[in-house]
PDB file of N, CA and C in Angstrom:
ATOM      1  N   UNK A   1    -183.119  36.644 122.699  1.00  0.00           N
ATOM      2  CA  UNK A   1    -182.416  35.372 122.738  1.00  0.00           C
ATOM      3  C   UNK A   1    -182.347  34.726 121.353  1.00  0.00           C
ATOM      4  N   UNK A   2    -183.409  34.862 120.550  1.00  0.00           N
ATOM      5  CA  UNK A   2    -183.402  34.270 119.217  1.00  0.00           C
ATOM      6  C   UNK A   2    -182.348  34.923 118.324  1.00  0.00           C
ATOM      7  N   UNK A   3    -182.165  36.239 118.445  1.00  0.00           N
ATOM      8  CA  UNK A   3    -181.161  36.919 117.646  1.00  0.00           C
ATOM      9  C   UNK A   3    -179.761  36.434 117.976  1.00  0.00           C
ATOM     10  N   UNK A   4    -179.497  36.181 119.242  1.00  0.00           N
ATOM     11  CA  UNK A   4    -178.195  35.674 119.639  1.00  0.00           C
ATOM     12  C   UNK A   4    -177.944  34.310 119.009  1.00  0.00           C
ATOM     13  N   UNK A   5    -178.957  33.461 118.983  1.00  0.00           N
ATOM     14  CA  UNK A   5    -178.823  32.147 118.372  1.00  0.00           C
ATOM     15  C   UNK A   5    -178.596  32.268 116.875  1.00  0.00           C
ATOM     16  N   UNK A   6    -179.347  33.145 116.210  1.00  0.00           N
ATOM     17  CA  UNK A   6    -179.173  33.347 114.775  1.00  0.00           C
ATOM     18  C   UNK A   6    -177.786  33.888 114.471  1.00  0.00           C
ATOM     19  N   UNK A   7    -177.302  34.774 115.312  1.00  0.00           N
ATOM     20  CA  UNK A   7    -175.968  35.339 115.096  1.00  0.00           C
ATOM     21  C   UNK A   7    -174.896  34.267 115.273  1.00  0.00           C
ATOM     22  N   UNK A   8    -175.060  33.405 116.261  1.00  0.00           N
ATOM     23  CA  UNK A   8    -174.098  32.316 116.467  1.00  0.00           C
ATOM     24  C   UNK A   8    -174.095  31.343 115.298  1.00  0.00           C
ATOM     25  N   UNK A   9    -175.271  31.011 114.801  1.00  0.00           N
ATOM     26  CA  UNK A   9    -175.365  30.126 113.642  1.00  0.00           C
ATOM     27  C   UNK A   9    -174.722  30.788 112.429  1.00  0.00           C
ATOM     28  N   UNK A  10    -174.976  32.074 112.250  1.00  0.00           N
ATOM     29  CA  UNK A  10    -174.384  32.821 111.135  1.00  0.00           C
ATOM     30  C   UNK A  10    -172.862  32.801 111.221  1.00  0.00           C
ATOM     31  N   UNK A  11    -172.318  32.960 112.419  1.00  0.00           N
ATOM     32  CA  UNK A  11    -170.862  32.928 112.594  1.00  0.00           C
ATOM     33  C   UNK A  11    -170.292  31.553 112.246  1.00  0.00           C
ATOM     34  N   UNK A  12    -170.974  30.505 112.687  1.00  0.00           N
ATOM     35  CA  UNK A  12    -170.510  29.153 112.367  1.00  0.00           C
ATOM     36  C   UNK A  12    -170.517  28.946 110.865  1.00  0.00           C
ATOM     37  N   UNK A  13    -171.605  29.330 110.200  1.00  0.00           N
ATOM     38  CA  UNK A  13    -171.682  29.213 108.739  1.00  0.00           C
ATOM     39  C   UNK A  13    -170.567  30.014 108.074  1.00  0.00           C
ATOM     40  N   UNK A  14    -170.392  31.259 108.515  1.00  0.00           N
ATOM     41  CA  UNK A  14    -169.410  32.168 107.916  1.00  0.00           C
ATOM     42  C   UNK A  14    -167.998  31.602 108.014  1.00  0.00           C
ATOM     43  N   UNK A  15    -167.587  31.243 109.227  1.00  0.00           N
ATOM     44  CA  UNK A  15    -166.209  30.798 109.413  1.00  0.00           C
ATOM     45  C   UNK A  15    -165.964  29.415 108.828  1.00  0.00           C
ATOM     46  N   UNK A  16    -166.958  28.551 108.866  1.00  0.00           N
ATOM     47  CA  UNK A  16    -166.825  27.241 108.224  1.00  0.00           C
ATOM     48  C   UNK A  16    -166.624  27.416 106.730  1.00  0.00           C
ATOM     49  N   UNK A  17    -167.462  28.237 106.110  1.00  0.00           N
ATOM     50  CA  UNK A  17    -167.361  28.460 104.672  1.00  0.00           C
ATOM     51  C   UNK A  17    -166.027  29.097 104.312  1.00  0.00           C
ATOM     52  N   UNK A  18    -165.612  30.092 105.074  1.00  0.00           N
ATOM     53  CA  UNK A  18    -164.351  30.777 104.770  1.00  0.00           C
ATOM     54  C   UNK A  18    -163.151  29.838 104.863  1.00  0.00           C
ATOM     55  N   UNK A  19    -163.087  29.076 105.941  1.00  0.00           N
ATOM     56  CA  UNK A  19    -161.955  28.161 106.128  1.00  0.00           C
ATOM     57  C   UNK A  19    -161.931  27.107 105.024  1.00  0.00           C
ATOM     58  N   UNK A  20    -163.075  26.506 104.758  1.00  0.00           N
ATOM     59  CA  UNK A  20    -163.122  25.464 103.737  1.00  0.00           C
ATOM     60  C   UNK A  20    -162.861  26.023 102.339  1.00  0.00           C
ATOM     61  N   UNK A  21    -163.295  27.241 102.068  1.00  0.00           N
ATOM     62  CA  UNK A  21    -163.020  27.852 100.765  1.00  0.00           C
ATOM     63  C   UNK A  21    -161.532  28.127 100.579  1.00  0.00           C
ATOM     64  N   UNK A  22    -160.869  28.606 101.607  1.00  0.00           N
ATOM     65  CA  UNK A  22    -159.427  28.838 101.509  1.00  0.00           C
ATOM     66  C   UNK A  22    -158.701  27.515 101.270  1.00  0.00           C
ATOM     67  N   UNK A  23    -159.082  26.482 102.007  1.00  0.00           N
ATOM     68  CA  UNK A  23    -158.446  25.171 101.831  1.00  0.00           C
ATOM     69  C   UNK A  23    -158.723  24.591 100.444  1.00  0.00           C
ATOM     70  N   UNK A  24    -159.972  24.677  99.989  1.00  0.00           N
ATOM     71  CA  UNK A  24    -160.324  24.149  98.666  1.00  0.00           C
ATOM     72  C   UNK A  24    -159.610  24.927  97.567  1.00  0.00           C
ATOM     73  N   UNK A  25    -159.543  26.237  97.702  1.00  0.00           N
ATOM     74  CA  UNK A  25    -158.860  27.061  96.700  1.00  0.00           C
ATOM     75  C   UNK A  25    -157.382  26.687  96.610  1.00  0.00           C
ATOM     76  N   UNK A  26    -156.758  26.549  97.754  1.00  0.00           N
ATOM     77  CA  UNK A  26    -155.342  26.184  97.772  1.00  0.00           C
ATOM     78  C   UNK A  26    -155.135  24.794  97.179  1.00  0.00           C
ATOM     79  N   UNK A  27    -155.996  23.861  97.545  1.00  0.00           N
ATOM     80  CA  UNK A  27    -155.876  22.494  97.020  1.00  0.00           C
ATOM     81  C   UNK A  27    -155.981  22.472  95.505  1.00  0.00           C
ATOM     82  N   UNK A  28    -157.031  23.094  94.951  1.00  0.00           N
ATOM     83  CA  UNK A  28    -157.240  23.038  93.502  1.00  0.00           C
ATOM     84  C   UNK A  28    -156.166  23.804  92.750  1.00  0.00           C
ATOM     85  N   UNK A  29    -155.659  24.885  93.320  1.00  0.00           N
ATOM     86  CA  UNK A  29    -154.569  25.616  92.677  1.00  0.00           C
ATOM     87  C   UNK A  29    -153.308  24.758  92.617  1.00  0.00           C
ATOM     88  N   UNK A  30    -152.926  24.170  93.741  1.00  0.00           N
ATOM     89  CA  UNK A  30    -151.724  23.327  93.785  1.00  0.00           C
ATOM     90  C   UNK A  30    -151.909  22.098  92.905  1.00  0.00           C
ATOM     91  N   UNK A  31    -153.089  21.510  92.935  1.00  0.00           N
ATOM     92  CA  UNK A  31    -153.371  20.348  92.093  1.00  0.00           C
ATOM     93  C   UNK A  31    -153.194  20.701  90.618  1.00  0.00           C
ATOM     94  N   UNK A  32    -153.761  21.817  90.185  1.00  0.00           N
ATOM     95  CA  UNK A  32    -153.643  22.238  88.790  1.00  0.00           C
ATOM     96  C   UNK A  32    -152.194  22.575  88.436  1.00  0.00           C
ATOM     97  N   UNK A  33    -151.478  23.143  89.380  1.00  0.00           N
ATOM     98  CA  UNK A  33    -150.092  23.520  89.151  1.00  0.00           C
ATOM     99  C   UNK A  33    -149.198  22.299  88.985  1.00  0.00           C
ATOM    100  N   UNK A  34    -149.421  21.284  89.804  1.00  0.00           N
ATOM    101  CA  UNK A  34    -148.540  20.118  89.798  1.00  0.00           C
ATOM    102  C   UNK A  34    -148.999  18.982  88.891  1.00  0.00           C
ATOM    103  N   UNK A  35    -150.279  18.957  88.511  1.00  0.00           N
ATOM    104  CA  UNK A  35    -150.821  17.796  87.806  1.00  0.00           C
ATOM    105  C   UNK A  35    -150.176  17.555  86.444  1.00  0.00           C
ATOM    106  N   UNK A  36    -149.757  18.576  85.746  1.00  0.00           N
ATOM    107  CA  UNK A  36    -149.118  18.370  84.451  1.00  0.00           C
ATOM    108  C   UNK A  36    -147.649  18.724  84.445  1.00  0.00           C
ATOM    109  N   UNK A  37    -147.073  18.952  85.603  1.00  0.00           N
ATOM    110  CA  UNK A  37    -145.679  19.388  85.676  1.00  0.00           C
ATOM    111  C   UNK A  37    -144.709  18.322  85.173  1.00  0.00           C
ATOM    112  N   UNK A  38    -144.998  17.072  85.440  1.00  0.00           N
ATOM    113  CA  UNK A  38    -144.090  16.016  85.007  1.00  0.00           C
ATOM    114  C   UNK A  38    -144.067  15.906  83.486  1.00  0.00           C
ATOM    115  N   UNK A  39    -145.245  16.057  82.871  1.00  0.00           N
ATOM    116  CA  UNK A  39    -145.314  16.003  81.407  1.00  0.00           C
ATOM    117  C   UNK A  39    -144.630  17.207  80.766  1.00  0.00           C
ATOM    118  N   UNK A  40    -144.536  18.314  81.510  1.00  0.00           N
ATOM    119  CA  UNK A  40    -143.905  19.534  81.001  1.00  0.00           C
ATOM    120  C   UNK A  40    -142.408  19.554  81.266  1.00  0.00           C
ATOM    121  N   UNK A  41    -141.846  18.456  81.700  1.00  0.00           N
ATOM    122  CA  UNK A  41    -140.403  18.378  81.899  1.00  0.00           C
ATOM    123  C   UNK A  41    -139.991  18.038  83.315  1.00  0.00           C
ATOM    124  N   UNK A  42    -140.927  18.093  84.249  1.00  0.00           N
ATOM    125  CA  UNK A  42    -140.627  17.727  85.627  1.00  0.00           C
ATOM    126  C   UNK A  42    -139.820  18.778  86.355  1.00  0.00           C
ATOM    127  N   UNK A  43    -139.727  18.609  87.643  1.00  0.00           N
ATOM    128  CA  UNK A  43    -138.963  19.526  88.473  1.00  0.00           C
ATOM    129  C   UNK A  43    -139.550  20.931  88.491  1.00  0.00           C
ATOM    130  N   UNK A  44    -138.709  21.861  88.907  1.00  0.00           N
ATOM    131  CA  UNK A  44    -139.159  23.244  89.028  1.00  0.00           C
ATOM    132  C   UNK A  44    -139.562  23.824  87.672  1.00  0.00           C
ATOM    133  N   UNK A  45    -138.793  23.518  86.634  1.00  0.00           N
ATOM    134  CA  UNK A  45    -139.115  24.055  85.299  1.00  0.00           C
ATOM    135  C   UNK A  45    -140.415  23.457  84.767  1.00  0.00           C
ATOM    136  N   UNK A  46    -140.697  22.227  85.115  1.00  0.00           N
ATOM    137  CA  UNK A  46    -141.966  21.627  84.724  1.00  0.00           C
ATOM    138  C   UNK A  46    -143.138  22.340  85.372  1.00  0.00           C
ATOM    139  N   UNK A  47    -142.961  22.723  86.622  1.00  0.00           N
ATOM    140  CA  UNK A  47    -144.007  23.475  87.336  1.00  0.00           C
ATOM    141  C   UNK A  47    -144.190  24.840  86.681  1.00  0.00           C
ATOM    142  N   UNK A  48    -143.067  25.502  86.344  1.00  0.00           N
ATOM    143  CA  UNK A  48    -143.148  26.813  85.697  1.00  0.00           C
ATOM    144  C   UNK A  48    -143.844  26.702  84.350  1.00  0.00           C
ATOM    145  N   UNK A  49    -143.483  25.696  83.556  1.00  0.00           N
ATOM    146  CA  UNK A  49    -144.097  25.516  82.240  1.00  0.00           C
ATOM    147  C   UNK A  49    -145.574  25.162  82.355  1.00  0.00           C
ATOM    148  N   UNK A  50    -145.958  24.484  83.424  1.00  0.00           N
ATOM    149  CA  UNK A  50    -147.353  24.080  83.623  1.00  0.00           C
ATOM    150  C   UNK A  50    -148.176  25.160  84.325  1.00  0.00           C
ATOM    151  N   UNK A  51    -147.559  26.206  84.785  1.00  0.00           N
ATOM    152  CA  UNK A  51    -148.266  27.222  85.569  1.00  0.00           C
ATOM    153  C   UNK A  51    -149.458  27.868  84.850  1.00  0.00           C
ATOM    154  N   UNK A  52    -149.470  28.024  83.530  1.00  0.00           N
ATOM    155  CA  UNK A  52    -150.679  28.580  82.904  1.00  0.00           C
ATOM    156  C   UNK A  52    -151.936  27.745  83.163  1.00  0.00           C
ATOM    157  N   UNK A  53    -151.770  26.455  83.391  1.00  0.00           N
ATOM    158  CA  UNK A  53    -152.929  25.610  83.696  1.00  0.00           C
ATOM    159  C   UNK A  53    -153.539  25.950  85.048  1.00  0.00           C
ATOM    160  N   UNK A  54    -152.750  26.509  85.940  1.00  0.00           N
ATOM    161  CA  UNK A  54    -153.232  26.837  87.281  1.00  0.00           C
ATOM    162  C   UNK A  54    -153.785  28.256  87.374  1.00  0.00           C
ATOM    163  N   UNK A  55    -153.514  29.088  86.398  1.00  0.00           N
ATOM    164  CA  UNK A  55    -153.958  30.477  86.465  1.00  0.00           C
ATOM    165  C   UNK A  55    -155.465  30.644  86.637  1.00  0.00           C
ATOM    166  N   UNK A  56    -156.301  29.855  85.954  1.00  0.00           N
ATOM    167  CA  UNK A  56    -157.748  30.027  86.184  1.00  0.00           C
ATOM    168  C   UNK A  56    -158.165  29.797  87.633  1.00  0.00           C
ATOM    169  N   UNK A  57    -157.427  28.974  88.360  1.00  0.00           N
ATOM    170  CA  UNK A  57    -157.776  28.719  89.753  1.00  0.00           C
ATOM    171  C   UNK A  57    -157.429  29.897  90.649  1.00  0.00           C
ATOM    172  N   UNK A  58    -156.598  30.817  90.156  1.00  0.00           N
ATOM    173  CA  UNK A  58    -156.352  32.049  90.909  1.00  0.00           C
ATOM    174  C   UNK A  58    -157.618  32.896  90.987  1.00  0.00           C
ATOM    175  N   UNK A  59    -158.473  32.761  89.987  1.00  0.00           N
ATOM    176  CA  UNK A  59    -159.754  33.474  90.000  1.00  0.00           C
ATOM    177  C   UNK A  59    -160.569  33.040  91.215  1.00  0.00           C
ATOM    178  N   UNK A  60    -160.468  31.767  91.575  1.00  0.00           N
ATOM    179  CA  UNK A  60    -161.169  31.289  92.758  1.00  0.00           C
ATOM    180  C   UNK A  60    -160.684  32.016  94.009  1.00  0.00           C
ATOM    181  N   UNK A  61    -159.391  32.274  94.100  1.00  0.00           N
ATOM    182  CA  UNK A  61    -158.875  33.047  95.237  1.00  0.00           C
ATOM    183  C   UNK A  61    -159.488  34.445  95.269  1.00  0.00           C
ATOM    184  N   UNK A  62    -159.683  35.037  94.101  1.00  0.00           N
ATOM    185  CA  UNK A  62    -160.314  36.359  94.033  1.00  0.00           C
ATOM    186  C   UNK A  62    -161.745  36.277  94.565  1.00  0.00           C
ATOM    187  N   UNK A  63    -162.471  35.239  94.165  1.00  0.00           N
ATOM    188  CA  UNK A  63    -163.847  35.064  94.644  1.00  0.00           C
ATOM    189  C   UNK A  63    -163.881  34.832  96.154  1.00  0.00           C
ATOM    190  N   UNK A  64    -162.926  34.088  96.668  1.00  0.00           N
ATOM    191  CA  UNK A  64    -162.856  33.862  98.109  1.00  0.00           C
ATOM    192  C   UNK A  64    -162.569  35.183  98.823  1.00  0.00           C
ATOM    193  N   UNK A  65    -161.688  35.982  98.267  1.00  0.00           N
ATOM    194  CA  UNK A  65    -161.405  37.295  98.839  1.00  0.00           C
ATOM    195  C   UNK A  65    -162.665  38.159  98.849  1.00  0.00           C
ATOM    196  N   UNK A  66    -163.409  38.129  97.755  1.00  0.00           N
ATOM    197  CA  UNK A  66    -164.675  38.874  97.683  1.00  0.00           C
ATOM    198  C   UNK A  66    -165.629  38.395  98.765  1.00  0.00           C
ATOM    199  N   UNK A  67    -165.670  37.087  98.997  1.00  0.00           N
ATOM    200  CA  UNK A  67    -166.585  36.557 100.014  1.00  0.00           C
ATOM    201  C   UNK A  67    -166.204  37.011 101.424  1.00  0.00           C
ATOM    202  N   UNK A  68    -164.932  37.315 101.640  1.00  0.00           N
ATOM    203  CA  UNK A  68    -164.517  37.849 102.935  1.00  0.00           C
ATOM    204  C   UNK A  68    -164.995  39.285 103.108  1.00  0.00           C
ATOM    205  N   UNK A  69    -165.032  40.034 102.024  1.00  0.00           N
ATOM    206  CA  UNK A  69    -165.397  41.451 102.085  1.00  0.00           C
ATOM    207  C   UNK A  69    -166.903  41.678 101.935  1.00  0.00           C
ATOM    208  N   UNK A  70    -167.520  40.959 100.998  1.00  0.00           N
ATOM    209  CA  UNK A  70    -168.953  41.100 100.715  1.00  0.00           C
ATOM    210  C   UNK A  70    -169.573  39.710 100.688  1.00  0.00           C
ATOM    211  N   UNK A  71    -170.102  39.324 101.824  1.00  0.00           N
ATOM    212  CA  UNK A  71    -170.552  37.946 102.029  1.00  0.00           C
ATOM    213  C   UNK A  71    -171.627  37.507 101.038  1.00  0.00           C
ATOM    214  N   UNK A  72    -172.632  38.336 100.823  1.00  0.00           N
ATOM    215  CA  UNK A  72    -173.719  37.967  99.922  1.00  0.00           C
ATOM    216  C   UNK A  72    -173.210  37.822  98.497  1.00  0.00           C
ATOM    217  N   UNK A  73    -172.487  38.810  98.005  1.00  0.00           N
ATOM    218  CA  UNK A  73    -171.964  38.760  96.639  1.00  0.00           C
ATOM    219  C   UNK A  73    -171.013  37.584  96.467  1.00  0.00           C
ATOM    220  N   UNK A  74    -170.122  37.401  97.421  1.00  0.00           N
ATOM    221  CA  UNK A  74    -169.189  36.276  97.357  1.00  0.00           C
ATOM    222  C   UNK A  74    -169.899  34.936  97.368  1.00  0.00           C
ATOM    223  N   UNK A  75    -170.918  34.806  98.217  1.00  0.00           N
ATOM    224  CA  UNK A  75    -171.677  33.555  98.270  1.00  0.00           C
ATOM    225  C   UNK A  75    -172.387  33.263  96.961  1.00  0.00           C
ATOM    226  N   UNK A  76    -172.973  34.291  96.364  1.00  0.00           N
ATOM    227  CA  UNK A  76    -173.660  34.106  95.076  1.00  0.00           C
ATOM    228  C   UNK A  76    -172.661  33.701  94.000  1.00  0.00           C
ATOM    229  N   UNK A  77    -171.531  34.401  93.935  1.00  0.00           N
ATOM    230  CA  UNK A  77    -170.524  34.115  92.906  1.00  0.00           C
ATOM    231  C   UNK A  77    -169.956  32.708  93.075  1.00  0.00           C
ATOM    232  N   UNK A  78    -169.675  32.307  94.299  1.00  0.00           N
ATOM    233  CA  UNK A  78    -169.107  30.977  94.527  1.00  0.00           C
ATOM    234  C   UNK A  78    -170.131  29.888  94.231  1.00  0.00           C
ATOM    235  N   UNK A  79    -171.385  30.106  94.596  1.00  0.00           N
ATOM    236  CA  UNK A  79    -172.426  29.129  94.266  1.00  0.00           C
ATOM    237  C   UNK A  79    -172.591  29.009  92.750  1.00  0.00           C
ATOM    238  N   UNK A  80    -172.562  30.135  92.051  1.00  0.00           N
ATOM    239  CA  UNK A  80    -172.653  30.106  90.584  1.00  0.00           C
ATOM    240  C   UNK A  80    -171.440  29.396  89.994  1.00  0.00           C
ATOM    241  N   UNK A  81    -170.270  29.648  90.559  1.00  0.00           N
ATOM    242  CA  UNK A  81    -169.068  28.941  90.113  1.00  0.00           C
ATOM    243  C   UNK A  81    -169.248  27.432  90.260  1.00  0.00           C
ATOM    244  N   UNK A  82    -169.807  27.013  91.395  1.00  0.00           N
ATOM    245  CA  UNK A  82    -170.065  25.586  91.601  1.00  0.00           C
ATOM    246  C   UNK A  82    -171.013  25.026  90.555  1.00  0.00           C
ATOM    247  N   UNK A  83    -172.025  25.791  90.210  1.00  0.00           N
ATOM    248  CA  UNK A  83    -172.969  25.348  89.169  1.00  0.00           C
ATOM    249  C   UNK A  83    -172.274  25.290  87.810  1.00  0.00           C
ATOM    250  N   UNK A  84    -171.427  26.277  87.530  1.00  0.00           N
ATOM    251  CA  UNK A  84    -170.714  26.279  86.250  1.00  0.00           C
ATOM    252  C   UNK A  84    -169.747  25.103  86.121  1.00  0.00           C
ATOM    253  N   UNK A  85    -169.174  24.657  87.249  1.00  0.00           N
ATOM    254  CA  UNK A  85    -168.265  23.511  87.181  1.00  0.00           C
ATOM    255  C   UNK A  85    -168.998  22.235  86.780  1.00  0.00           C
ATOM    256  N   UNK A  86    -170.291  22.195  87.031  1.00  0.00           N
ATOM    257  CA  UNK A  86    -171.074  21.032  86.601  1.00  0.00           C
ATOM    258  C   UNK A  86    -170.978  20.891  85.085  1.00  0.00           C
ATOM    259  N   UNK A  87    -171.050  22.008  84.390  1.00  0.00           N
ATOM    260  CA  UNK A  87    -171.008  21.975  82.930  1.00  0.00           C
ATOM    261  C   UNK A  87    -169.577  21.978  82.398  1.00  0.00           C
ATOM    262  N   UNK A  88    -168.683  22.726  83.035  1.00  0.00           N
ATOM    263  CA  UNK A  88    -167.308  22.832  82.555  1.00  0.00           C
ATOM    264  C   UNK A  88    -166.546  21.510  82.695  1.00  0.00           C
ATOM    265  N   UNK A  89    -166.797  20.775  83.778  1.00  0.00           N
ATOM    266  CA  UNK A  89    -166.081  19.532  84.031  1.00  0.00           C
ATOM    267  C   UNK A  89    -166.965  18.297  83.869  1.00  0.00           C
ATOM    268  N   UNK A  90    -168.179  18.490  83.367  1.00  0.00           N
ATOM    269  CA  UNK A  90    -169.136  17.383  83.182  1.00  0.00           C
ATOM    270  C   UNK A  90    -169.288  16.549  84.447  1.00  0.00           C
ATOM    271  N   UNK A  91    -169.417  17.216  85.586  1.00  0.00           N
ATOM    272  CA  UNK A  91    -169.498  16.475  86.842  1.00  0.00           C
ATOM    273  C   UNK A  91    -170.837  15.768  87.018  1.00  0.00           C
ATOM    274  N   UNK A  92    -171.818  16.103  86.177  1.00  0.00           N
ATOM    275  CA  UNK A  92    -173.100  15.413  86.282  1.00  0.00           C
ATOM    276  C   UNK A  92    -173.000  13.985  85.774  1.00  0.00           C
ATOM    277  N   UNK A  93    -171.905  13.638  85.091  1.00  0.00           N
ATOM    278  CA  UNK A  93    -171.710  12.272  84.602  1.00  0.00           C
ATOM    279  C   UNK A  93    -171.330  11.303  85.715  1.00  0.00           C
ATOM    280  N   UNK A  94    -170.736  11.811  86.781  1.00  0.00           N
ATOM    281  CA  UNK A  94    -170.270  10.957  87.870  1.00  0.00           C
ATOM    282  C   UNK A  94    -170.621  11.605  89.208  1.00  0.00           C
ATOM    283  N   UNK A  95    -171.298  10.873  90.043  1.00  0.00           N
ATOM    284  CA  UNK A  95    -171.689  11.396  91.351  1.00  0.00           C
ATOM    285  C   UNK A  95    -170.461  11.732  92.195  1.00  0.00           C
ATOM    286  N   UNK A  96    -169.436  10.911  92.115  1.00  0.00           N
ATOM    287  CA  UNK A  96    -168.232  11.168  92.904  1.00  0.00           C
ATOM    288  C   UNK A  96    -167.588  12.473  92.470  1.00  0.00           C
ATOM    289  N   UNK A  97    -167.464  12.674  91.170  1.00  0.00           N
ATOM    290  CA  UNK A  97    -166.873  13.908  90.660  1.00  0.00           C
ATOM    291  C   UNK A  97    -167.717  15.108  91.051  1.00  0.00           C
ATOM    292  N   UNK A  98    -169.026  14.973  90.979  1.00  0.00           N
ATOM    293  CA  UNK A  98    -169.918  16.063  91.366  1.00  0.00           C
ATOM    294  C   UNK A  98    -169.707  16.437  92.828  1.00  0.00           C
ATOM    295  N   UNK A  99    -169.646  15.428  93.703  1.00  0.00           N
ATOM    296  CA  UNK A  99    -169.523  15.704  95.134  1.00  0.00           C
ATOM    297  C   UNK A  99    -168.115  16.148  95.541  1.00  0.00           C
ATOM    298  N   UNK A 100    -167.120  15.926  94.691  1.00  0.00           N
ATOM    299  CA  UNK A 100    -165.765  16.381  94.996  1.00  0.00           C
ATOM    300  C   UNK A 100    -165.501  17.778  94.442  1.00  0.00           C
ATOM    301  N   UNK A 101    -166.013  18.080  93.250  1.00  0.00           N
ATOM    302  CA  UNK A 101    -165.701  19.361  92.609  1.00  0.00           C
ATOM    303  C   UNK A 101    -166.828  20.369  92.758  1.00  0.00           C
ATOM    304  N   UNK A 102    -168.012  20.061  92.304  1.00  0.00           N
ATOM    305  CA  UNK A 102    -169.089  21.053  92.199  1.00  0.00           C
ATOM    306  C   UNK A 102    -169.826  21.296  93.512  1.00  0.00           C
ATOM    307  N   UNK A 103    -170.250  20.247  94.160  1.00  0.00           N
ATOM    308  CA  UNK A 103    -171.088  20.374  95.348  1.00  0.00           C
ATOM    309  C   UNK A 103    -170.466  21.208  96.462  1.00  0.00           C
ATOM    310  N   UNK A 104    -169.164  21.038  96.762  1.00  0.00           N
ATOM    311  CA  UNK A 104    -168.598  21.869  97.840  1.00  0.00           C
ATOM    312  C   UNK A 104    -168.742  23.371  97.583  1.00  0.00           C
ATOM    313  N   UNK A 105    -168.548  23.795  96.351  1.00  0.00           N
ATOM    314  CA  UNK A 105    -168.669  25.222  96.054  1.00  0.00           C
ATOM    315  C   UNK A 105    -170.113  25.691  96.125  1.00  0.00           C
ATOM    316  N   UNK A 106    -171.026  24.865  95.675  1.00  0.00           N
ATOM    317  CA  UNK A 106    -172.446  25.217  95.776  1.00  0.00           C
ATOM    318  C   UNK A 106    -172.845  25.312  97.247  1.00  0.00           C
ATOM    319  N   UNK A 107    -172.429  24.336  98.045  1.00  0.00           N
ATOM    320  CA  UNK A 107    -172.758  24.313  99.468  1.00  0.00           C
ATOM    321  C   UNK A 107    -172.117  25.484 100.215  1.00  0.00           C
ATOM    322  N   UNK A 108    -170.847  25.738  99.974  1.00  0.00           N
ATOM    323  CA  UNK A 108    -170.159  26.807 100.691  1.00  0.00           C
ATOM    324  C   UNK A 108    -170.687  28.183 100.283  1.00  0.00           C
ATOM    325  N   UNK A 109    -171.033  28.348  99.013  1.00  0.00           N
ATOM    326  CA  UNK A 109    -171.686  29.591  98.593  1.00  0.00           C
ATOM    327  C   UNK A 109    -173.023  29.749  99.288  1.00  0.00           C
ATOM    328  N   UNK A 110    -173.761  28.649  99.410  1.00  0.00           N
ATOM    329  CA  UNK A 110    -175.040  28.680 100.123  1.00  0.00           C
ATOM    330  C   UNK A 110    -174.869  29.016 101.597  1.00  0.00           C
ATOM    331  N   UNK A 111    -173.805  28.497 102.213  1.00  0.00           N
ATOM    332  CA  UNK A 111    -173.538  28.826 103.621  1.00  0.00           C
ATOM    333  C   UNK A 111    -173.241  30.316 103.798  1.00  0.00           C
ATOM    334  N   UNK A 112    -172.509  30.892 102.864  1.00  0.00           N
ATOM    335  CA  UNK A 112    -172.232  32.327 102.944  1.00  0.00           C
ATOM    336  C   UNK A 112    -173.506  33.148 102.781  1.00  0.00           C
ATOM    337  N   UNK A 113    -174.357  32.739 101.863  1.00  0.00           N
ATOM    338  CA  UNK A 113    -175.634  33.438 101.670  1.00  0.00           C
ATOM    339  C   UNK A 113    -176.490  33.308 102.924  1.00  0.00           C
ATOM    340  N   UNK A 114    -176.538  32.097 103.493  1.00  0.00           N
ATOM    341  CA  UNK A 114    -177.320  31.885 104.715  1.00  0.00           C
ATOM    342  C   UNK A 114    -176.748  32.691 105.873  1.00  0.00           C
ATOM    343  N   UNK A 115    -175.443  32.769 105.970  1.00  0.00           N
ATOM    344  CA  UNK A 115    -174.814  33.562 107.021  1.00  0.00           C
ATOM    345  C   UNK A 115    -175.177  35.035 106.883  1.00  0.00           C
ATOM    346  N   UNK A 116    -175.125  35.543 105.668  1.00  0.00           N
ATOM    347  CA  UNK A 116    -175.514  36.935 105.427  1.00  0.00           C
ATOM    348  C   UNK A 116    -176.972  37.152 105.843  1.00  0.00           C
ATOM    349  N   UNK A 117    -177.841  36.232 105.452  1.00  0.00           N
ATOM    350  CA  UNK A 117    -179.258  36.347 105.758  1.00  0.00           C
ATOM    351  C   UNK A 117    -179.508  36.321 107.272  1.00  0.00           C
ATOM    352  N   UNK A 118    -178.861  35.406 107.959  1.00  0.00           N
ATOM    353  CA  UNK A 118    -179.065  35.278 109.412  1.00  0.00           C
ATOM    354  C   UNK A 118    -178.484  36.445 110.195  1.00  0.00           C
ATOM    355  N   UNK A 119    -177.464  37.095 109.661  1.00  0.00           N
ATOM    356  CA  UNK A 119    -176.849  38.187 110.407  1.00  0.00           C
ATOM    357  C   UNK A 119    -177.445  39.555 110.074  1.00  0.00           C
ATOM    358  N   UNK A 120    -178.435  39.590 109.171  1.00  0.00           N
ATOM    359  CA  UNK A 120    -179.114  40.864 108.890  1.00  0.00           C
ATOM    360  C   UNK A 120    -179.890  41.290 110.099  1.00  0.00           C
ATOM    361  N   UNK A 121    -180.125  42.579 110.206  1.00  0.00           N
ATOM    362  CA  UNK A 121    -180.882  43.077 111.358  1.00  0.00           C
ATOM    363  C   UNK A 121    -182.294  43.382 110.979  1.00  0.00           C
TER     364      UNK A 121
END
């Protein structure tokens, strides 16, 4: 009975993390794509000219894909990414910024690691 409970908890962690990671990845990619588009000329061409700013966020999609295939590795990489954002975006200066940018990735990476741990036999 305990294994069934651990497996159910692992599934909740796994699917929660996966869904939220896909949503967060899409949000940050679109945000980066559109945030400087107006300054780059606006409209479709402004988005095209601003697209290099969004390319680093495509790496996040790769990490999310890895987390779907290899839960432990993906969880570690995403948690490390969350820690790196603390330094890259100076999120330690503002609690709001930390909880919007860095903390979700640290938490979701931790959920993937916990899911992997709970689903081991």
